[in-house]
C-alpha atoms as a PDB file:
ATOM      1  CA  GLN A   1      85.532 124.612  76.823  1.00  0.00           C
ATOM      2  CA  VAL A   2      86.082 121.803  80.181  1.00  0.00           C
ATOM      3  CA  GLN A   3      87.297 122.998  83.199  1.00  0.00           C
ATOM      4  CA  LEU A   4      88.176 121.894  86.397  1.00  0.00           C
ATOM      5  CA  VAL A   5      88.374 123.901  89.461  1.00  0.00           C
ATOM      6  CA  GLU A   6      89.411 122.429  92.987  1.00  0.00           C
ATOM      7  CA  SER A   7      89.253 124.506  95.903  1.00  0.00           C
ATOM      8  CA  GLY A   8      89.328 124.132  99.898  1.00  0.00           C
ATOM      9  CA  GLY A   9      93.064 123.342 100.596  1.00  0.00           C
ATOM     10  CA  GLY A  10      94.490 124.414 103.057  1.00  0.00           C
ATOM     11  CA  LEU A  11      96.959 123.935 106.441  1.00  0.00           C
ATOM     12  CA  VAL A  12      95.420 121.620 108.747  1.00  0.00           C
ATOM     13  CA  GLN A  13      96.820 120.158 112.285  1.00  0.00           C
ATOM     14  CA  THR A  14      96.887 116.209 112.364  1.00  0.00           C
ATOM     15  CA  GLY A  15      93.821 114.852 113.452  1.00  0.00           C
ATOM     16  CA  GLY A  16      91.728 117.862 111.469  1.00  0.00           C
ATOM     17  CA  SER A  17      89.215 117.868 108.807  1.00  0.00           C
ATOM     18  CA  LEU A  18      89.223 119.343 105.202  1.00  0.00           C
ATOM     19  CA  ARG A  19      86.722 119.573 102.645  1.00  0.00           C
ATOM     20  CA  LEU A  20      87.591 119.766  99.220  1.00  0.00           C
ATOM     21  CA  SER A  21      85.765 120.645  96.182  1.00  0.00           C
ATOM     22  CA  CYS A  22      85.998 120.493  92.188  1.00  0.00           C
ATOM     23  CA  ALA A  23      83.751 122.582  90.150  1.00  0.00           C
ATOM     24  CA  VAL A  24      83.100 121.267  86.676  1.00  0.00           C
ATOM     25  CA  SER A  25      82.276 123.293  83.995  1.00  0.00           C
ATOM     26  CA  GLY A  26      81.590 122.472  80.470  1.00  0.00           C
ATOM     27  CA  ARG A  27      80.175 118.925  80.698  1.00  0.00           C
ATOM     28  CA  THR A  28      78.726 116.368  82.954  1.00  0.00           C
ATOM     29  CA  PHE A  29      81.155 113.880  83.379  1.00  0.00           C
ATOM     30  CA  TYR A  30      80.381 109.635  84.710  1.00  0.00           C
ATOM     31  CA  THR A  31      83.281 109.559  86.473  1.00  0.00           C
ATOM     32  CA  MET A  32      85.281 111.649  88.953  1.00  0.00           C
ATOM     33  CA  GLY A  33      87.750 110.998  90.831  1.00  0.00           C
ATOM     34  CA  TRP A  34      90.750 112.600  93.136  1.00  0.00           C
ATOM     35  CA  PHE A  35      94.412 111.658  93.142  1.00  0.00           C
ATOM     36  CA  ARG A  36      97.025 113.181  94.899  1.00  0.00           C
ATOM     37  CA  GLN A  37     100.851 113.849  94.623  1.00  0.00           C
ATOM     38  CA  ALA A  38     103.223 114.161  97.621  1.00  0.00           C
ATOM     39  CA  PRO A  39     106.715 115.588  97.189  1.00  0.00           C
ATOM     40  CA  GLY A  40     109.081 113.720  95.720  1.00  0.00           C
ATOM     41  CA  LYS A  41     106.461 110.755  94.488  1.00  0.00           C
ATOM     42  CA  GLU A  42     104.604 109.532  92.114  1.00  0.00           C
ATOM     43  CA  ARG A  43     100.760 110.721  91.757  1.00  0.00           C
ATOM     44  CA  GLU A  44      98.394 108.267  93.179  1.00  0.00           C
ATOM     45  CA  PHE A  45      94.882 107.092  93.389  1.00  0.00           C
ATOM     46  CA  VAL A  46      92.775 108.435  96.440  1.00  0.00           C
ATOM     47  CA  THR A  47      89.133 107.757  95.377  1.00  0.00           C
ATOM     48  CA  THR A  48      86.188 107.591  92.446  1.00  0.00           C
ATOM     49  CA  ILE A  49      82.735 107.662  92.441  1.00  0.00           C
ATOM     50  CA  SER A  50      80.122 106.726  89.690  1.00  0.00           C
ATOM     51  CA  LEU A  51      77.604 109.239  88.091  1.00  0.00           C
ATOM     52  CA  ASN A  52      74.612 108.444  90.016  1.00  0.00           C
ATOM     53  CA  GLY A  53      76.917 108.118  93.319  1.00  0.00           C
ATOM     54  CA  ASP A  54      76.177 104.404  94.041  1.00  0.00           C
ATOM     55  CA  TYR A  55      79.732 103.741  93.700  1.00  0.00           C
ATOM     56  CA  THR A  56      82.578 104.209  95.388  1.00  0.00           C
ATOM     57  CA  TYR A  57      86.296 103.102  95.860  1.00  0.00           C
ATOM     58  CA  TYR A  58      88.866 104.342  98.392  1.00  0.00           C
ATOM     59  CA  ALA A  59      92.557 103.560  98.362  1.00  0.00           C
ATOM     60  CA  GLU A  60      93.706 101.382 101.332  1.00  0.00           C
ATOM     61  CA  SER A  61      95.443 104.356 103.083  1.00  0.00           C
ATOM     62  CA  VAL A  62      92.233 106.720 102.939  1.00  0.00           C
ATOM     63  CA  LYS A  63      89.513 104.296 103.614  1.00  0.00           C
ATOM     64  CA  GLY A  64      87.540 105.026 106.445  1.00  0.00           C
ATOM     65  CA  ARG A  65      88.502 108.480 106.901  1.00  0.00           C
ATOM     66  CA  PHE A  66      87.850 110.252 103.287  1.00  0.00           C
ATOM     67  CA  THR A  67      84.724 110.525 101.421  1.00  0.00           C
ATOM     68  CA  ILE A  68      83.692 111.563  98.206  1.00  0.00           C
ATOM     69  CA  SER A  69      80.319 112.517  97.229  1.00  0.00           C
ATOM     70  CA  ARG A  70      78.814 114.405  94.014  1.00  0.00           C
ATOM     71  CA  ASP A  71      76.051 117.019  93.273  1.00  0.00           C
ATOM     72  CA  ASN A  72      75.117 116.265  89.906  1.00  0.00           C
ATOM     73  CA  VAL A  73      73.141 119.624  90.006  1.00  0.00           C
ATOM     74  CA  ALA A  74      75.962 121.829  90.874  1.00  0.00           C
ATOM     75  CA  ASN A  75      78.199 119.702  88.841  1.00  0.00           C
ATOM     76  CA  THR A  76      80.376 119.644  91.922  1.00  0.00           C
ATOM     77  CA  VAL A  77      82.475 116.849  93.610  1.00  0.00           C
ATOM     78  CA  TYR A  78      83.824 116.712  96.832  1.00  0.00           C
ATOM     79  CA  LEU A  79      86.366 115.183  99.031  1.00  0.00           C
ATOM     80  CA  GLN A  80      85.444 114.941 102.609  1.00  0.00           C
ATOM     81  CA  MET A  81      89.062 114.360 104.417  1.00  0.00           C
ATOM     82  CA  ASN A  82      88.766 113.524 108.363  1.00  0.00           C
ATOM     83  CA  SER A  83      91.341 112.492 110.580  1.00  0.00           C
ATOM     84  CA  LEU A  84      94.196 113.797 108.742  1.00  0.00           C
ATOM     85  CA  LYS A  85      97.476 112.405 108.875  1.00  0.00           C
ATOM     86  CA  PRO A  86     101.182 114.424 107.822  1.00  0.00           C
ATOM     87  CA  GLU A  87     101.325 111.152 105.073  1.00  0.00           C
ATOM     88  CA  ASP A  88      98.170 113.308 103.851  1.00  0.00           C
ATOM     89  CA  THR A  89     100.040 115.984 102.738  1.00  0.00           C
ATOM     90  CA  ALA A  90      99.767 116.535  98.785  1.00  0.00           C
ATOM     91  CA  VAL A  91      98.682 118.211  96.017  1.00  0.00           C
ATOM     92  CA  TYR A  92      95.050 116.604  95.610  1.00  0.00           C
ATOM     93  CA  TYR A  93      93.970 116.721  91.650  1.00  0.00           C
ATOM     94  CA  CYS A  94      90.134 116.016  90.644  1.00  0.00           C
ATOM     95  CA  ALA A  95      89.976 114.114  87.640  1.00  0.00           C
ATOM     96  CA  ALA A  96      87.185 113.316  84.976  1.00  0.00           C
ATOM     97  CA  ARG A  97      86.172 110.291  82.934  1.00  0.00           C
ATOM     98  CA  ARG A  98      84.093 110.185  80.006  1.00  0.00           C
ATOM     99  CA  TRP A  99      82.916 106.463  80.336  1.00  0.00           C
ATOM    100  CA  ALA A 100      80.785 104.901  83.167  1.00  0.00           C
ATOM    101  CA  ASP A 101      83.368 102.578  84.712  1.00  0.00           C
ATOM    102  CA  PRO A 102      85.036 104.335  87.413  1.00  0.00           C
ATOM    103  CA  SER A 103      88.503 103.569  87.355  1.00  0.00           C
ATOM    104  CA  LYS A 104      91.916 103.961  89.741  1.00  0.00           C
ATOM    105  CA  VAL A 105      94.173 103.875  87.117  1.00  0.00           C
ATOM    106  CA  GLU A 106      95.620 107.843  86.513  1.00  0.00           C
ATOM    107  CA  ASN A 107      95.353 107.352  82.757  1.00  0.00           C
ATOM    108  CA  LYS A 108      92.034 106.386  81.619  1.00  0.00           C
ATOM    109  CA  TYR A 109      90.642 110.230  83.229  1.00  0.00           C
ATOM    110  CA  GLY A 110      91.271 112.534  80.127  1.00  0.00           C
ATOM    111  CA  TYR A 111      90.497 115.751  82.003  1.00  0.00           C
ATOM    112  CA  TRP A 112      92.005 117.122  85.105  1.00  0.00           C
ATOM    113  CA  GLY A 113      92.034 120.198  87.477  1.00  0.00           C
ATOM    114  CA  GLN A 114      94.949 122.433  88.526  1.00  0.00           C
ATOM    115  CA  GLY A 115      95.690 120.808  92.089  1.00  0.00           C
ATOM    116  CA  THR A 116      95.198 122.137  95.159  1.00  0.00           C
ATOM    117  CA  GLN A 117      97.498 121.571  98.164  1.00  0.00           C
ATOM    118  CA  VAL A 118      96.749 120.010 101.680  1.00  0.00           C
ATOM    119  CA  THR A 119      99.424 120.109 104.212  1.00  0.00           C
ATOM    120  CA  VAL A 120      98.669 118.436 107.986  1.00  0.00           C
ATOM    121  CA  SER A 121     101.053 119.526 110.534  1.00  0.00           C
ATOM    122  CA  ALA A 122     102.229 116.816 113.044  1.00  0.00           C
END
């Protein structure tokens, strides 16, 4: 059974940092991604990473502040979030894709975690 379990969310002040983790069990996925959903808004793409980590892509809103990485031995994906802003407040979801081409399209991902709340106070 495939499971994606996020952790690391919480409350942080503007300018602070958090590191989210996504532990994957059941199989190894080629492409991993992070999405987020703010209150009253649709879920949006944040970042994606290829199997060996040599390709990453970020939404413009987080570029230069967030970093995605993965440890294929531990089967875990990370999202390091620095210089956090109140507009980063959202539930953050880890997603997995069985194909090798990273994507920023939500419906290309077939497996999802339950989400972890990130709240950035002003």
